[in-house]
Structures are given as C-alpha cells and as structure tokens.
Amino acid sequence: MFSPPLNSSPSLPPPATERAMALLFSALRVLLGLFFAASGVVKLTDRVSGDVYQQLKSQFVQFADVFPLKEFGYKPEPGRYLETVGWVEVVAGLLLAFGPQLLQEISNFVLTVIMIGAIYTLLVLKEPFAMCAPATVCLGLLLLLNIRGRRRVKSKSE
C-alpha cells in the first residue's frame, strides 16, 4: 500500500478548482448582497409590496420594544428604526455585491451585526424557530464569506 510521507505538506488544489471556488464565492457574495439590498428596499417603501411593508411596520413596533440598547435608556421610534435598517441593508447589500474588497468586508461586518441583532430580537420575543431561520441562514452565509475572505487575504500575504 502507498502512504504519503508523514512530513509532506498538503497538496495545493489545482488552479481550476481554485478558480471555480472563487467564482462560487463571488456569485454567493453578489446574490447575498442583492438579497439584502432587496430586503432593505421592501423596508423603505410600500410600492414593492404593500402588505409586507405594513407587516414590517407593525413588527418593528415590537422590535423597538426589545431593542438591545433599551437597557441603556435608548428606545428607537419604530418607523425610524425600520427606515434605518432598510437603508443600512440597501447600502451594505450593494457594497457587499459590487464594492471594492475593503468596503465588502466592512459591509459584511455591518450586515453580520444586523443579523445578530435580528436573531436576538426574535429570540427575546420568543418567536418560533421558523422566524429565526432566514436571519440565521443569512448570518451563516455572511460568516462563510468572511472566513473565505480572511483565508484569501492570508494566502496573498504569505
């Protein structure tokens, strides 16, 4: 039987596999960024979907009641909270999808914080797991992109 030497370094993936993975992660980044941008637009106007917008307006009344900084005396006005989250998702989503690498990393961080806040809010409100699932999936994808980005930056510097 053949066994590799114990002190050998792991073989590098072939360049075609590396390019395919880079393409896959780029597509994921663009799609996720566009998803966040679209999600933000829905929070900003009732022209996309009036029913969803009205539902979000009523949900953000509850979300404002359990806002994490409420413990420090700050409770946002629900309409402004909805608008702020909407604009942050639009801008950060577009930067994640199409911005330069530094702004992609910053927007990834901002969106990660928003998703953690969304999960926190839903858990405090004791919402069913199905309500937490979209934010959890988005958080996982953002973390995956972050890990991939760090690995790519690390390998360039070595």
Protein backbone atom coordinates (compact mmCIF):
# COMPACT_ATOMS: atom_id res chain seq x y z
CA MET A 1 0.00 0.00 0.00
CA PHE A 2 1.06 3.52 -0.71
CA SER A 3 1.09 6.01 2.12
CA PRO A 4 2.24 9.62 1.82
CA PRO A 5 5.27 10.70 3.84
CA LEU A 6 4.39 12.00 7.28
CA ASN A 7 6.20 15.32 6.91
CA SER A 8 4.83 16.24 3.49
CA SER A 9 2.78 19.39 3.15
CA PRO A 10 -0.78 19.08 1.88
CA SER A 11 -1.02 19.43 -1.86
CA LEU A 12 -2.44 22.62 -3.23
CA PRO A 13 -5.73 22.45 -5.09
CA PRO A 14 -5.43 22.61 -8.84
CA PRO A 15 -5.85 26.10 -10.27
CA ALA A 16 -9.13 25.15 -11.99
CA THR A 17 -10.65 24.13 -8.65
CA GLU A 18 -9.37 27.32 -7.06
CA ARG A 19 -10.93 29.43 -9.83
CA ALA A 20 -14.22 27.55 -9.55
CA MET A 21 -14.34 28.14 -5.78
CA ALA A 22 -13.51 31.83 -6.26
CA LEU A 23 -16.31 32.10 -8.82
CA LEU A 24 -18.72 30.31 -6.48
CA PHE A 25 -17.92 32.64 -3.58
CA SER A 26 -18.15 35.70 -5.84
CA ALA A 27 -21.59 34.58 -7.01
CA LEU A 28 -22.66 33.95 -3.40
CA ARG A 29 -21.41 37.40 -2.38
CA VAL A 30 -23.29 39.14 -5.21
CA LEU A 31 -26.51 37.19 -4.65
CA LEU A 32 -26.42 37.72 -0.89
CA GLY A 33 -25.70 41.42 -1.36
CA LEU A 34 -28.61 41.77 -3.80
CA PHE A 35 -30.86 39.87 -1.36
CA PHE A 36 -30.01 42.33 1.41
CA ALA A 37 -30.50 45.30 -0.91
CA ALA A 38 -33.91 44.00 -1.98
CA SER A 39 -34.83 43.28 1.63
CA GLY A 40 -33.88 46.84 2.52
CA VAL A 41 -35.96 48.32 -0.30
CA VAL A 42 -39.02 46.44 0.97
CA LYS A 43 -38.48 48.12 4.36
CA LEU A 44 -38.32 51.58 2.76
CA THR A 45 -41.42 51.68 0.59
CA ASP A 46 -44.84 50.15 0.20
CA ARG A 47 -44.53 50.25 -3.61
CA VAL A 48 -42.80 46.86 -3.78
CA SER A 49 -45.28 45.03 -1.57
CA GLY A 50 -47.79 46.99 0.46
CA ASP A 51 -48.81 44.01 2.59
CA VAL A 52 -45.22 43.11 3.53
CA TYR A 53 -44.41 46.75 4.27
CA GLN A 54 -47.41 47.08 6.60
CA GLN A 55 -46.48 43.82 8.33
CA LEU A 56 -42.92 45.07 8.81
CA LYS A 57 -44.19 48.36 10.23
CA SER A 58 -46.19 46.51 12.87
CA GLN A 59 -43.32 44.10 13.64
CA PHE A 60 -40.88 46.97 14.15
CA VAL A 61 -43.15 48.32 16.88
CA GLN A 62 -42.43 45.07 18.77
CA PHE A 63 -38.76 45.11 17.74
CA ALA A 64 -38.34 48.62 19.16
CA ASP A 65 -39.72 47.42 22.49
CA VAL A 66 -36.87 44.89 22.86
CA PHE A 67 -34.12 46.94 21.21
CA PRO A 68 -30.81 45.88 22.80
CA LEU A 69 -29.81 49.44 23.77
CA LYS A 70 -33.10 49.91 25.64
CA GLU A 71 -31.23 48.82 28.78
CA PHE A 72 -29.13 51.98 28.39
CA GLY A 73 -32.15 54.24 28.00
CA TYR A 74 -32.40 54.33 24.20
CA LYS A 75 -35.57 53.11 22.51
CA PRO A 76 -35.86 53.91 18.81
CA GLU A 77 -39.04 55.21 17.22
CA PRO A 78 -40.38 52.17 15.25
CA GLY A 79 -40.82 53.99 11.92
CA ARG A 80 -37.33 55.46 12.03
CA TYR A 81 -35.91 52.09 13.16
CA LEU A 82 -37.50 50.39 10.13
CA GLU A 83 -36.18 53.10 7.81
CA THR A 84 -32.67 52.98 9.26
CA VAL A 85 -32.43 49.20 8.98
CA GLY A 86 -33.79 49.44 5.44
CA TRP A 87 -31.20 51.99 4.32
CA VAL A 88 -28.35 50.14 6.02
CA GLU A 89 -29.39 46.91 4.27
CA VAL A 90 -29.64 48.64 0.87
CA VAL A 91 -26.27 50.37 1.11
CA ALA A 92 -24.40 47.49 2.77
CA GLY A 93 -26.00 44.96 0.40
CA LEU A 94 -24.93 46.90 -2.69
CA LEU A 95 -21.42 47.37 -1.28
CA LEU A 96 -21.22 43.66 -0.46
CA ALA A 97 -22.26 42.81 -4.01
CA PHE A 98 -20.33 45.38 -6.01
CA GLY A 99 -17.97 47.37 -3.78
CA PRO A 100 -14.20 47.16 -3.52
CA GLN A 101 -12.83 44.50 -1.19
CA LEU A 102 -12.39 46.77 1.84
CA LEU A 103 -15.99 48.00 1.61
CA GLN A 104 -17.18 44.43 1.06
CA GLU A 105 -15.53 43.43 4.32
CA ILE A 106 -16.98 46.41 6.19
CA SER A 107 -20.47 45.78 4.79
CA ASN A 108 -20.16 42.09 5.68
CA PHE A 109 -19.41 43.12 9.27
CA VAL A 110 -22.33 45.60 9.37
CA LEU A 111 -24.77 43.04 7.96
CA THR A 112 -23.46 40.43 10.41
CA VAL A 113 -24.24 42.79 13.30
CA ILE A 114 -27.72 43.40 11.90
CA MET A 115 -28.37 39.65 11.60
CA ILE A 116 -27.16 39.03 15.15
CA GLY A 117 -29.48 41.83 16.29
CA ALA A 118 -32.37 40.31 14.32
CA ILE A 119 -31.81 36.88 15.85
CA TYR A 120 -31.52 38.41 19.34
CA THR A 121 -34.75 40.34 18.83
CA LEU A 122 -36.68 37.31 17.59
CA LEU A 123 -35.41 35.15 20.45
CA VAL A 124 -36.33 37.79 23.07
CA LEU A 125 -39.81 37.99 21.55
CA LYS A 126 -39.98 34.16 21.77
CA GLU A 127 -40.81 33.86 18.08
CA PRO A 128 -40.88 30.34 16.60
CA PHE A 129 -37.65 28.99 15.11
CA ALA A 130 -39.07 29.34 11.60
CA MET A 131 -38.99 33.12 12.10
CA CYS A 132 -35.30 32.96 13.09
CA ALA A 133 -34.27 30.68 10.24
CA PRO A 134 -33.82 33.31 7.47
CA ALA A 135 -31.65 35.54 9.67
CA THR A 136 -29.67 32.51 10.85
CA VAL A 137 -29.03 31.32 7.28
CA CYS A 138 -28.00 34.83 6.21
CA LEU A 139 -25.68 35.09 9.21
CA GLY A 140 -24.10 31.74 8.33
CA LEU A 141 -23.53 32.82 4.72
CA LEU A 142 -22.02 36.13 5.84
CA LEU A 143 -19.66 34.30 8.19
CA LEU A 144 -18.74 31.88 5.40
CA LEU A 145 -17.87 34.81 3.12
CA ASN A 146 -15.88 36.39 5.96
CA ILE A 147 -13.88 33.22 6.58
CA ARG A 148 -13.24 32.78 2.86
CA GLY A 149 -12.14 36.42 2.59
CA ARG A 150 -9.73 36.08 5.50
CA ARG A 151 -8.24 32.91 4.03
CA ARG A 152 -7.79 34.66 0.65
CA VAL A 153 -6.11 37.69 2.26
CA LYS A 154 -3.88 35.46 4.41
CA SER A 155 -2.76 33.37 1.41
CA LYS A 156 -1.93 36.54 -0.57
CA SER A 157 0.26 37.84 2.26
CA GLU A 158 2.19 34.59 2.69
